[in-house]
Amino acid sequence: MTAWADGDALADAVAAPALARFLFTAEEVAQALAVSTTLVRQLTLTGELPCRRIGRLVRYTTTDIEAFVHSFDDRGYQ
């Protein structure tokens, strides 16, 4: 049994989340969605797949990807 000087220190250490990844490349999104990188880029250009631009870099958040996937819930695949 480990003795802690502060009883909450163990709880804080266990509860502290690791730094999560926030931004993904077109290649990573394509792999996650099981589509081609070209399709991801086309969907980005048409505005169907939202993205974040950092200078000339294009990156996607999990929120962007989830919004795109959930957009098919209402309208289905067309």
N, C-alpha and C. Protein backbone atom coordinates (compact mmCIF):
# COMPACT_ATOMS: atom_id res chain seq x y z
N MET A 1 0.84 -1.18 0.00
CA MET A 1 0.00 0.00 0.00
C MET A 1 0.89 1.24 0.00
N THR A 2 0.61 2.17 -0.87
CA THR A 2 1.40 3.38 -0.99
C THR A 2 0.81 4.47 -0.13
N ALA A 3 1.67 5.14 0.60
CA ALA A 3 1.22 6.25 1.44
C ALA A 3 1.37 7.55 0.67
N TRP A 4 0.30 8.32 0.63
CA TRP A 4 0.32 9.60 -0.08
C TRP A 4 0.26 10.71 0.95
N ALA A 5 1.06 11.76 0.75
CA ALA A 5 1.04 12.90 1.66
C ALA A 5 -0.31 13.60 1.58
N ASP A 6 -0.81 13.70 0.41
CA ASP A 6 -2.12 14.32 0.20
C ASP A 6 -3.06 13.22 -0.26
N GLY A 7 -4.13 12.99 0.44
CA GLY A 7 -5.04 11.91 0.11
C GLY A 7 -5.65 12.03 -1.27
N ASP A 8 -5.78 13.26 -1.81
CA ASP A 8 -6.36 13.48 -3.11
C ASP A 8 -5.35 13.37 -4.25
N ALA A 9 -4.08 13.28 -3.92
CA ALA A 9 -3.05 13.24 -4.96
C ALA A 9 -3.22 12.01 -5.86
N LEU A 10 -3.55 10.88 -5.30
CA LEU A 10 -3.76 9.68 -6.10
C LEU A 10 -4.96 9.85 -7.01
N ALA A 11 -6.03 10.40 -6.48
CA ALA A 11 -7.23 10.62 -7.29
C ALA A 11 -6.94 11.58 -8.42
N ASP A 12 -6.17 12.64 -8.15
CA ASP A 12 -5.81 13.61 -9.19
C ASP A 12 -4.93 12.96 -10.25
N ALA A 13 -4.00 12.13 -9.83
CA ALA A 13 -3.10 11.47 -10.78
C ALA A 13 -3.85 10.51 -11.67
N VAL A 14 -4.82 9.82 -11.13
CA VAL A 14 -5.60 8.85 -11.90
C VAL A 14 -6.58 9.57 -12.82
N ALA A 15 -7.17 10.66 -12.36
CA ALA A 15 -8.20 11.36 -13.11
C ALA A 15 -7.63 12.28 -14.20
N ALA A 16 -6.37 12.64 -14.11
CA ALA A 16 -5.78 13.56 -15.09
C ALA A 16 -5.68 12.88 -16.45
N PRO A 17 -6.39 13.41 -17.46
CA PRO A 17 -6.34 12.79 -18.79
C PRO A 17 -5.03 13.09 -19.49
N ALA A 18 -4.60 12.19 -20.32
CA ALA A 18 -3.42 12.41 -21.15
C ALA A 18 -3.81 13.40 -22.25
N LEU A 19 -2.82 14.08 -22.78
CA LEU A 19 -3.08 15.03 -23.86
C LEU A 19 -3.63 14.28 -25.06
N ALA A 20 -4.86 14.58 -25.40
CA ALA A 20 -5.52 13.91 -26.53
C ALA A 20 -5.12 14.59 -27.83
N ARG A 21 -5.26 13.90 -28.89
CA ARG A 21 -4.96 14.45 -30.21
C ARG A 21 -6.19 15.19 -30.71
N PHE A 22 -5.99 16.40 -31.22
CA PHE A 22 -7.11 17.23 -31.63
C PHE A 22 -7.26 17.34 -33.14
N LEU A 23 -6.17 17.29 -33.88
CA LEU A 23 -6.21 17.54 -35.32
C LEU A 23 -5.68 16.34 -36.10
N PHE A 24 -6.33 16.09 -37.25
CA PHE A 24 -5.96 14.95 -38.07
C PHE A 24 -5.78 15.37 -39.52
N THR A 25 -4.93 14.67 -40.24
CA THR A 25 -4.68 14.96 -41.65
C THR A 25 -5.74 14.30 -42.52
N ALA A 26 -5.76 14.69 -43.79
CA ALA A 26 -6.71 14.09 -44.74
C ALA A 26 -6.46 12.59 -44.86
N GLU A 27 -5.20 12.19 -44.82
CA GLU A 27 -4.86 10.77 -44.91
C GLU A 27 -5.41 9.99 -43.72
N GLU A 28 -5.30 10.57 -42.53
CA GLU A 28 -5.81 9.89 -41.33
C GLU A 28 -7.33 9.82 -41.35
N VAL A 29 -7.98 10.87 -41.82
CA VAL A 29 -9.44 10.87 -41.92
C VAL A 29 -9.90 9.83 -42.94
N ALA A 30 -9.20 9.78 -44.07
CA ALA A 30 -9.55 8.80 -45.11
C ALA A 30 -9.44 7.38 -44.56
N GLN A 31 -8.39 7.12 -43.81
CA GLN A 31 -8.21 5.79 -43.25
C GLN A 31 -9.31 5.48 -42.23
N ALA A 32 -9.66 6.46 -41.41
CA ALA A 32 -10.70 6.25 -40.39
C ALA A 32 -12.07 6.01 -41.02
N LEU A 33 -12.35 6.69 -42.15
CA LEU A 33 -13.65 6.55 -42.82
C LEU A 33 -13.65 5.46 -43.88
N ALA A 34 -12.49 4.85 -44.12
CA ALA A 34 -12.35 3.79 -45.13
C ALA A 34 -12.72 4.30 -46.53
N VAL A 35 -12.22 5.49 -46.84
CA VAL A 35 -12.40 6.07 -48.17
C VAL A 35 -11.03 6.55 -48.66
N SER A 36 -10.98 7.03 -49.89
CA SER A 36 -9.71 7.50 -50.43
C SER A 36 -9.41 8.92 -49.95
N THR A 37 -8.13 9.25 -49.97
CA THR A 37 -7.71 10.60 -49.62
C THR A 37 -8.28 11.61 -50.61
N THR A 38 -8.37 11.21 -51.87
CA THR A 38 -8.94 12.08 -52.90
C THR A 38 -10.39 12.44 -52.56
N LEU A 39 -11.16 11.48 -52.11
CA LEU A 39 -12.56 11.75 -51.74
C LEU A 39 -12.62 12.71 -50.56
N VAL A 40 -11.76 12.52 -49.57
CA VAL A 40 -11.74 13.43 -48.42
C VAL A 40 -11.46 14.85 -48.89
N ARG A 41 -10.50 15.01 -49.79
CA ARG A 41 -10.16 16.35 -50.29
C ARG A 41 -11.30 16.94 -51.12
N GLN A 42 -11.98 16.11 -51.92
CA GLN A 42 -13.12 16.59 -52.70
C GLN A 42 -14.25 17.05 -51.79
N LEU A 43 -14.54 16.28 -50.76
CA LEU A 43 -15.59 16.63 -49.81
C LEU A 43 -15.24 17.91 -49.06
N THR A 44 -13.96 18.12 -48.81
CA THR A 44 -13.51 19.34 -48.16
C THR A 44 -13.71 20.54 -49.07
N LEU A 45 -13.35 20.40 -50.34
CA LEU A 45 -13.49 21.50 -51.30
C LEU A 45 -14.94 21.90 -51.51
N THR A 46 -15.84 20.93 -51.48
CA THR A 46 -17.26 21.23 -51.67
C THR A 46 -17.94 21.71 -50.38
N GLY A 47 -17.23 21.61 -49.26
CA GLY A 47 -17.78 22.05 -47.99
C GLY A 47 -18.58 21.00 -47.25
N GLU A 48 -18.68 19.81 -47.81
CA GLU A 48 -19.44 18.75 -47.15
C GLU A 48 -18.72 18.21 -45.91
N LEU A 49 -17.41 18.25 -45.94
CA LEU A 49 -16.60 17.82 -44.80
C LEU A 49 -15.90 19.05 -44.24
N PRO A 50 -16.35 19.51 -43.07
CA PRO A 50 -15.74 20.71 -42.50
C PRO A 50 -14.28 20.47 -42.12
N CYS A 51 -13.51 21.55 -42.10
CA CYS A 51 -12.09 21.43 -41.77
C CYS A 51 -11.62 22.68 -41.06
N ARG A 52 -10.39 22.64 -40.59
CA ARG A 52 -9.73 23.80 -39.99
C ARG A 52 -8.49 24.08 -40.84
N ARG A 53 -8.27 25.34 -41.12
CA ARG A 53 -7.08 25.73 -41.89
C ARG A 53 -6.12 26.45 -40.96
N ILE A 54 -4.89 25.97 -40.94
CA ILE A 54 -3.82 26.58 -40.16
C ILE A 54 -2.76 26.97 -41.18
N GLY A 55 -2.78 28.23 -41.57
CA GLY A 55 -1.91 28.64 -42.67
C GLY A 55 -2.38 27.92 -43.93
N ARG A 56 -1.48 27.19 -44.55
CA ARG A 56 -1.87 26.43 -45.75
C ARG A 56 -2.20 24.97 -45.44
N LEU A 57 -2.09 24.60 -44.16
CA LEU A 57 -2.40 23.23 -43.76
C LEU A 57 -3.90 23.06 -43.55
N VAL A 58 -4.41 21.91 -43.94
CA VAL A 58 -5.82 21.58 -43.73
C VAL A 58 -5.85 20.43 -42.72
N ARG A 59 -6.59 20.64 -41.65
CA ARG A 59 -6.70 19.63 -40.60
C ARG A 59 -8.16 19.46 -40.22
N TYR A 60 -8.47 18.32 -39.64
CA TYR A 60 -9.84 17.97 -39.26
C TYR A 60 -9.88 17.63 -37.78
N THR A 61 -10.95 18.05 -37.13
CA THR A 61 -11.16 17.70 -35.73
C THR A 61 -12.12 16.51 -35.65
N THR A 62 -12.16 15.89 -34.51
CA THR A 62 -13.11 14.79 -34.33
C THR A 62 -14.54 15.31 -34.48
N THR A 63 -14.78 16.55 -34.08
CA THR A 63 -16.10 17.15 -34.23
C THR A 63 -16.47 17.29 -35.70
N ASP A 64 -15.49 17.70 -36.54
CA ASP A 64 -15.72 17.81 -37.98
C ASP A 64 -16.11 16.45 -38.57
N ILE A 65 -15.37 15.44 -38.19
CA ILE A 65 -15.59 14.09 -38.73
C ILE A 65 -16.94 13.55 -38.28
N GLU A 66 -17.24 13.73 -36.99
CA GLU A 66 -18.52 13.23 -36.46
C GLU A 66 -19.69 13.97 -37.10
N ALA A 67 -19.56 15.27 -37.32
CA ALA A 67 -20.63 16.04 -37.96
C ALA A 67 -20.89 15.52 -39.37
N PHE A 68 -19.82 15.22 -40.09
CA PHE A 68 -19.96 14.67 -41.44
C PHE A 68 -20.66 13.32 -41.41
N VAL A 69 -20.25 12.44 -40.54
CA VAL A 69 -20.85 11.10 -40.45
C VAL A 69 -22.31 11.20 -40.04
N HIS A 70 -22.61 12.07 -39.06
CA HIS A 70 -23.99 12.18 -38.59
C HIS A 70 -24.89 12.91 -39.59
N SER A 71 -24.31 13.59 -40.55
CA SER A 71 -25.14 14.25 -41.56
C SER A 71 -25.89 13.23 -42.41
N PHE A 72 -25.41 12.00 -42.43
CA PHE A 72 -26.09 10.95 -43.19
C PHE A 72 -27.25 10.34 -42.41
N ASP A 73 -27.35 10.64 -41.11
CA ASP A 73 -28.45 10.11 -40.30
C ASP A 73 -29.79 10.61 -40.81
N ASP A 74 -29.86 11.88 -41.15
CA ASP A 74 -31.13 12.48 -41.57
C ASP A 74 -31.42 12.29 -43.05
N ARG A 75 -30.41 12.40 -43.87
CA ARG A 75 -30.66 12.37 -45.31
C ARG A 75 -30.27 11.08 -45.99
N GLY A 76 -29.51 10.24 -45.29
CA GLY A 76 -29.06 8.98 -45.89
C GLY A 76 -28.04 9.24 -46.97
N TYR A 77 -27.60 8.20 -47.59
CA TYR A 77 -26.62 8.33 -48.67
C TYR A 77 -27.31 8.70 -49.97
N GLN A 78 -26.83 9.72 -50.65
CA GLN A 78 -27.46 10.15 -51.89
C GLN A 78 -26.49 10.08 -53.03
